[in-house]
């Protein structure tokens, strides 16, 4: 169960949600500019964690996010692992899998890059946040309410999501971790994953994704939106740092170097171009 839960109170009108900056400075800078262009108060911007991962700029990304004034920077499994000086990133990859092998290099780069003060700051980040919006109670977790490195996808059964929502004690859950965006409304409950900005959505394009949540007369609207940035700069930095080529290439091809964590149903979507989506949760 989460150890550190914060209450953000009542949020109004519009929220921006994003996950997985993944040490990608250029994408993070693009996200900040987009937030300001949208006119969304930075107090209404929520990050679902994994700020540090595959790319080359963990120090710079954390410094930018710490100074951003964002309403929530959640502790992902990567932050928890770094704070505890764990032997690996804590993503839950199977021993010997491609994801497990690839993670060793970027995790080592992050461990060596971060100083003790930064790791102590990571340790103090919240594991879960709650807030009210549009007449509903939301919980923000990284992977799941029970386990922060749980992989929950669009194809995960509703029964699993309902159990997680009940465990979180809310009407809706916002999560990250899986790297793939989706929104599902089922009955009086809702599950929302904004996707990540540090890596493409395994859809064959270099675009990354975030979401905007609006309070509208009919209820609550979730919009999944693409974010463009200069990925070639990020690629060059990764290659110069000697980080895994699979992830550097993925920034351009839009295809993950391994799909070990995906369900068979999610693997069928590999390389299928994602499109912007809207979902309306009719709450009135």
Protein backbone atom coordinates (compact mmCIF):
# COMPACT_ATOMS: atom_id res chain seq x y z
CA UNK A 1 0.00 0.00 0.00
CA UNK A 2 1.21 3.55 -0.60
CA UNK A 3 3.17 5.02 2.27
CA UNK A 4 2.90 8.71 1.44
CA UNK A 5 -0.48 10.03 0.23
CA UNK A 6 -1.08 13.73 -0.39
CA UNK A 7 -4.40 15.49 -0.89
CA UNK A 8 -4.36 18.14 -3.63
CA UNK A 9 -7.80 19.39 -2.62
CA UNK A 10 -10.26 20.69 -5.19
CA UNK A 11 -8.98 21.23 -8.73
CA UNK A 12 -11.02 23.24 -11.22
CA UNK A 13 -11.76 23.59 -14.94
CA UNK A 14 -8.74 21.94 -16.60
CA UNK A 15 -5.89 19.58 -15.69
CA UNK A 16 -2.87 18.44 -17.68
CA UNK A 17 -1.53 14.94 -16.98
CA UNK A 18 1.67 13.36 -18.26
CA UNK A 19 3.86 10.43 -17.36
CA UNK A 20 7.34 9.11 -17.94
CA UNK A 21 9.63 12.02 -18.80
CA UNK A 22 12.30 9.28 -18.76
CA UNK A 23 15.27 11.72 -18.56
CA UNK A 24 14.19 13.18 -21.92
CA UNK A 25 14.96 16.88 -21.50
CA UNK A 26 13.71 18.03 -24.91
CA UNK A 27 10.31 16.38 -24.46
CA UNK A 28 10.00 17.78 -20.94
CA UNK A 29 10.78 21.29 -22.17
CA UNK A 30 8.16 20.85 -24.91
CA UNK A 31 5.59 19.76 -22.32
CA UNK A 32 6.24 22.84 -20.18
CA UNK A 33 5.82 25.11 -23.18
CA UNK A 34 2.57 23.36 -24.12
CA UNK A 35 1.21 23.79 -20.59
CA UNK A 36 1.93 27.51 -20.69
CA UNK A 37 0.50 27.85 -24.21
CA UNK A 38 -2.70 26.18 -23.01
CA UNK A 39 -2.92 28.63 -20.12
CA UNK A 40 -3.28 25.84 -17.56
CA UNK A 41 -2.06 26.82 -14.09
CA UNK A 42 1.03 24.84 -13.27
CA UNK A 43 -0.63 23.81 -10.00
CA UNK A 44 -3.04 21.84 -12.20
CA UNK A 45 -0.32 19.79 -13.92
CA UNK A 46 0.19 16.23 -12.70
CA UNK A 47 3.11 13.89 -13.42
CA UNK A 48 2.55 10.17 -12.84
CA UNK A 49 6.21 9.35 -12.21
CA UNK A 50 9.24 7.71 -13.86
CA UNK A 51 10.88 11.06 -14.34
CA UNK A 52 14.24 9.30 -14.67
CA UNK A 53 14.77 6.42 -17.11
CA UNK A 54 16.00 5.67 -20.63
CA UNK A 55 17.39 8.99 -21.88
CA UNK A 56 20.56 10.93 -21.14
CA UNK A 57 19.54 13.87 -18.93
CA UNK A 58 18.31 12.70 -15.51
CA UNK A 59 19.89 15.62 -13.64
CA UNK A 60 18.55 18.27 -16.02
CA UNK A 61 15.04 16.79 -16.18
CA UNK A 62 14.74 16.57 -12.41
CA UNK A 63 16.02 20.12 -11.99
CA UNK A 64 13.48 21.39 -14.52
CA UNK A 65 10.58 19.53 -12.91
CA UNK A 66 11.57 20.57 -9.39
CA UNK A 67 11.46 24.23 -10.45
CA UNK A 68 8.30 23.87 -12.57
CA UNK A 69 5.69 24.55 -9.91
CA UNK A 70 3.69 21.54 -11.07
CA UNK A 71 0.99 20.40 -8.70
CA UNK A 72 2.19 16.81 -8.52
CA UNK A 73 5.43 14.95 -9.13
CA UNK A 74 4.63 11.36 -8.19
CA UNK A 75 7.18 8.77 -7.14
CA UNK A 76 7.42 6.08 -9.81
CA UNK A 77 9.21 2.78 -9.38
CA UNK A 78 12.32 4.34 -10.96
CA UNK A 79 12.40 7.14 -8.39
CA UNK A 80 11.84 4.64 -5.58
CA UNK A 81 14.67 2.44 -6.82
CA UNK A 82 17.10 5.35 -7.15
CA UNK A 83 16.16 6.73 -3.74
CA UNK A 84 16.84 3.33 -2.16
CA UNK A 85 20.02 2.64 -4.12
CA UNK A 86 18.38 -0.53 -5.41
CA UNK A 87 20.24 -2.87 -7.75
CA UNK A 88 17.81 -2.26 -10.63
CA UNK A 89 15.02 0.08 -11.72
CA UNK A 90 12.24 -1.90 -10.06
CA UNK A 91 10.14 -2.07 -13.24
CA UNK A 92 9.36 -5.72 -12.57
CA UNK A 93 10.98 -7.00 -15.77
CA UNK A 94 11.54 -10.75 -15.85
CA UNK A 95 15.13 -11.78 -15.16
CA UNK A 96 16.96 -12.30 -18.45
CA UNK A 97 14.31 -10.58 -20.58
CA UNK A 98 15.30 -8.00 -23.19
CA UNK A 99 13.77 -5.23 -21.07
CA UNK A 100 15.79 -6.40 -18.06
CA UNK A 101 19.05 -6.43 -20.02
CA UNK A 102 18.43 -3.04 -21.64
CA UNK A 103 17.53 -1.41 -18.33
CA UNK A 104 20.91 -2.09 -16.77
CA UNK A 105 22.79 0.53 -18.82
CA UNK A 106 20.39 3.42 -18.42
CA UNK A 107 19.86 2.66 -14.74
CA UNK A 108 23.61 2.65 -14.13
CA UNK A 109 23.85 6.00 -15.94
CA UNK A 110 21.14 7.47 -13.72
CA UNK A 111 22.64 6.11 -10.49
CA UNK A 112 26.01 7.65 -11.33
CA UNK A 113 24.46 10.97 -12.37
CA UNK A 114 22.36 11.75 -9.28
CA UNK A 115 23.81 13.09 -6.05
CA UNK A 116 22.68 12.15 -2.54
CA UNK A 117 20.57 15.29 -2.07
CA UNK A 118 18.57 14.48 -5.20
CA UNK A 119 18.06 10.88 -4.10
CA UNK A 120 16.79 12.11 -0.72
CA UNK A 121 14.34 14.39 -2.51
CA UNK A 122 13.13 11.46 -4.60
CA UNK A 123 12.57 9.45 -1.44
CA UNK A 124 10.21 12.12 -0.11
CA UNK A 125 7.94 12.22 -3.15
CA UNK A 126 4.34 11.03 -2.70
CA UNK A 127 3.35 7.47 -3.65
CA UNK A 128 -0.26 8.49 -4.25
CA UNK A 129 -2.27 11.70 -4.57
CA UNK A 130 -5.99 12.35 -4.27
CA UNK A 131 -8.10 15.27 -5.44
CA UNK A 132 -11.65 16.27 -6.29
CA UNK A 133 -12.56 17.36 -9.81
CA UNK A 134 -15.89 17.71 -11.56
CA UNK A 135 -17.75 16.19 -8.63
CA UNK A 136 -15.62 13.03 -8.59
CA UNK A 137 -12.84 11.77 -6.36
CA UNK A 138 -9.61 10.90 -8.19
CA UNK A 139 -6.56 8.96 -7.06
CA UNK A 140 -3.22 9.23 -8.87
CA UNK A 141 -0.93 6.22 -8.62
CA UNK A 142 2.08 5.15 -10.65
CA UNK A 143 1.24 1.60 -11.71
CA UNK A 144 -1.55 0.46 -9.45
CA UNK A 145 -2.97 1.18 -6.03
CA UNK A 146 -1.61 -2.07 -4.63
CA UNK A 147 1.74 -2.16 -6.43
CA UNK A 148 3.54 0.80 -7.97
CA UNK A 149 5.11 -1.26 -10.77
CA UNK A 150 1.91 -3.02 -11.84
CA UNK A 151 1.34 -3.01 -15.60
CA UNK A 152 -2.30 -2.14 -16.27
CA UNK A 153 -3.30 -1.78 -19.91
CA UNK A 154 -6.43 -0.99 -21.86
CA UNK A 155 -6.88 -4.74 -22.32
CA UNK A 156 -6.57 -5.48 -18.59
CA UNK A 157 -9.93 -6.84 -17.37
CA UNK A 158 -12.42 -4.41 -15.85
CA UNK A 159 -12.51 -6.58 -12.74
CA UNK A 160 -8.85 -5.80 -12.06
CA UNK A 161 -9.38 -2.09 -12.57
CA UNK A 162 -12.48 -2.04 -10.37
CA UNK A 163 -10.55 -3.73 -7.58
CA UNK A 164 -7.74 -1.18 -7.91
CA UNK A 165 -10.20 1.74 -7.89
CA UNK A 166 -11.89 0.39 -4.77
CA UNK A 167 -8.51 -0.10 -3.11
CA UNK A 168 -7.59 3.50 -3.96
CA UNK A 169 -10.83 4.66 -2.34
CA UNK A 170 -11.86 6.85 -5.27
CA UNK A 171 -14.24 7.07 -8.21
CA UNK A 172 -11.39 7.16 -10.72
CA UNK A 173 -7.72 6.27 -10.98
CA UNK A 174 -5.08 8.09 -12.99
CA UNK A 175 -1.95 6.03 -13.51
CA UNK A 176 1.23 5.73 -15.56
CA UNK A 177 3.99 3.12 -15.82
CA UNK A 178 2.77 1.08 -18.81
CA UNK A 179 3.82 3.68 -21.41
CA UNK A 180 0.54 3.39 -23.35
CA UNK A 181 -2.32 5.86 -23.07
CA UNK A 182 -6.01 5.03 -22.74
CA UNK A 183 -9.20 6.01 -20.93
CA UNK A 184 -11.95 3.62 -19.90
CA UNK A 185 -15.28 4.49 -18.34
CA UNK A 186 -17.25 1.56 -16.93
CA UNK A 187 -20.32 2.26 -14.89
CA UNK A 188 -19.59 4.81 -12.19
CA UNK A 189 -15.83 4.26 -12.42
CA UNK A 190 -13.06 5.52 -14.68
CA UNK A 191 -9.44 4.56 -15.42
CA UNK A 192 -7.11 7.00 -17.16
CA UNK A 193 -3.52 6.67 -18.34
CA UNK A 194 -2.11 9.78 -20.04
CA UNK A 195 0.79 7.88 -21.59
CA UNK A 196 4.38 9.10 -21.43
CA UNK A 197 6.39 11.92 -22.95
CA UNK A 198 9.84 10.32 -22.80
CA UNK A 199 9.24 7.56 -25.37
CA UNK A 200 6.78 7.04 -28.24
CA UNK A 201 3.69 4.90 -27.76
CA UNK A 202 5.08 1.92 -29.70
CA UNK A 203 2.93 3.05 -32.63
CA UNK A 204 5.52 3.55 -35.35
CA UNK A 205 5.69 7.35 -34.98
CA UNK A 206 8.06 9.56 -32.94
CA UNK A 207 5.21 11.42 -31.26
CA UNK A 208 4.75 11.21 -27.51
CA UNK A 209 1.51 11.71 -25.55
CA UNK A 210 -0.07 13.62 -22.69
CA UNK A 211 -3.66 14.35 -21.70
CA UNK A 212 -5.97 17.24 -20.87
CA UNK A 213 -8.91 16.70 -18.52
CA UNK A 214 -11.73 19.25 -18.67
CA UNK A 215 -14.79 19.83 -16.55
CA UNK A 216 -17.65 20.31 -19.03
CA UNK A 217 -21.46 20.58 -18.64
CA UNK A 218 -21.97 16.90 -19.45
CA UNK A 219 -19.32 15.71 -17.00
CA UNK A 220 -15.58 15.18 -17.45
CA UNK A 221 -13.76 15.09 -20.80
CA UNK A 222 -10.44 13.29 -21.28
CA UNK A 223 -8.40 14.29 -24.34
CA UNK A 224 -5.32 12.29 -25.40
CA UNK A 225 -3.00 14.57 -27.36
CA UNK A 226 0.33 14.15 -29.18
CA UNK A 227 3.42 16.16 -28.31
CA UNK A 228 6.13 16.92 -30.86
CA UNK A 229 9.73 17.74 -29.94
CA UNK A 230 13.21 17.57 -31.49
CA UNK A 231 13.95 13.91 -30.79
CA UNK A 232 17.18 14.00 -32.82
CA UNK A 233 18.84 16.11 -30.11
CA UNK A 234 17.78 13.56 -27.50
CA UNK A 235 19.05 10.71 -29.70
CA UNK A 236 22.45 12.34 -30.12
CA UNK A 237 22.85 12.78 -26.37
CA UNK A 238 21.90 9.16 -25.71
CA UNK A 239 24.40 7.85 -28.23
CA UNK A 240 27.14 10.11 -26.89
CA UNK A 241 26.43 8.78 -23.38
CA UNK A 242 26.66 5.19 -24.58
CA UNK A 243 23.06 4.37 -23.69
CA UNK A 244 21.24 1.46 -25.36
CA UNK A 245 20.79 2.01 -29.09
CA UNK A 246 17.41 0.30 -28.97
CA UNK A 247 15.90 3.15 -26.99
CA UNK A 248 17.72 5.83 -28.98
CA UNK A 249 16.36 4.36 -32.22
CA UNK A 250 12.88 4.06 -30.72
CA UNK A 251 12.67 7.84 -30.41
CA UNK A 252 12.64 7.98 -34.23
CA UNK A 253 11.03 4.70 -35.29
CA UNK A 254 8.35 4.84 -32.62
CA UNK A 255 8.87 1.14 -31.93
CA UNK A 256 10.05 -0.19 -28.57
CA UNK A 257 13.18 -2.37 -28.58
CA UNK A 258 11.30 -4.98 -26.57
CA UNK A 259 7.64 -5.77 -25.95
CA UNK A 260 8.22 -8.25 -23.12
CA UNK A 261 5.84 -6.46 -20.74
CA UNK A 262 2.92 -6.31 -23.16
CA UNK A 263 -0.04 -8.64 -23.21
CA UNK A 264 -0.69 -10.56 -26.41
CA UNK A 265 -3.57 -8.19 -27.18
CA UNK A 266 -1.33 -5.13 -26.76
CA UNK A 267 1.36 -6.69 -28.96
CA UNK A 268 -1.17 -6.79 -31.79
CA UNK A 269 -1.22 -2.97 -31.73
CA UNK A 270 2.55 -2.65 -32.21
CA UNK A 271 3.25 -0.20 -35.04
CA UNK A 272 -0.39 0.82 -35.41
CA UNK A 273 -0.42 4.62 -35.51
CA UNK A 274 -2.13 6.13 -32.49
CA UNK A 275 -4.59 8.98 -33.01
CA UNK A 276 -5.85 11.71 -30.68
CA UNK A 277 -8.89 10.57 -28.72
CA UNK A 278 -11.57 12.04 -26.53
CA UNK A 279 -13.70 10.31 -23.93
CA UNK A 280 -16.55 11.90 -22.01
CA UNK A 281 -17.43 10.56 -18.58
CA UNK A 282 -21.07 11.57 -18.17
CA UNK A 283 -21.33 12.39 -14.50
CA UNK A 284 -24.39 14.66 -14.54
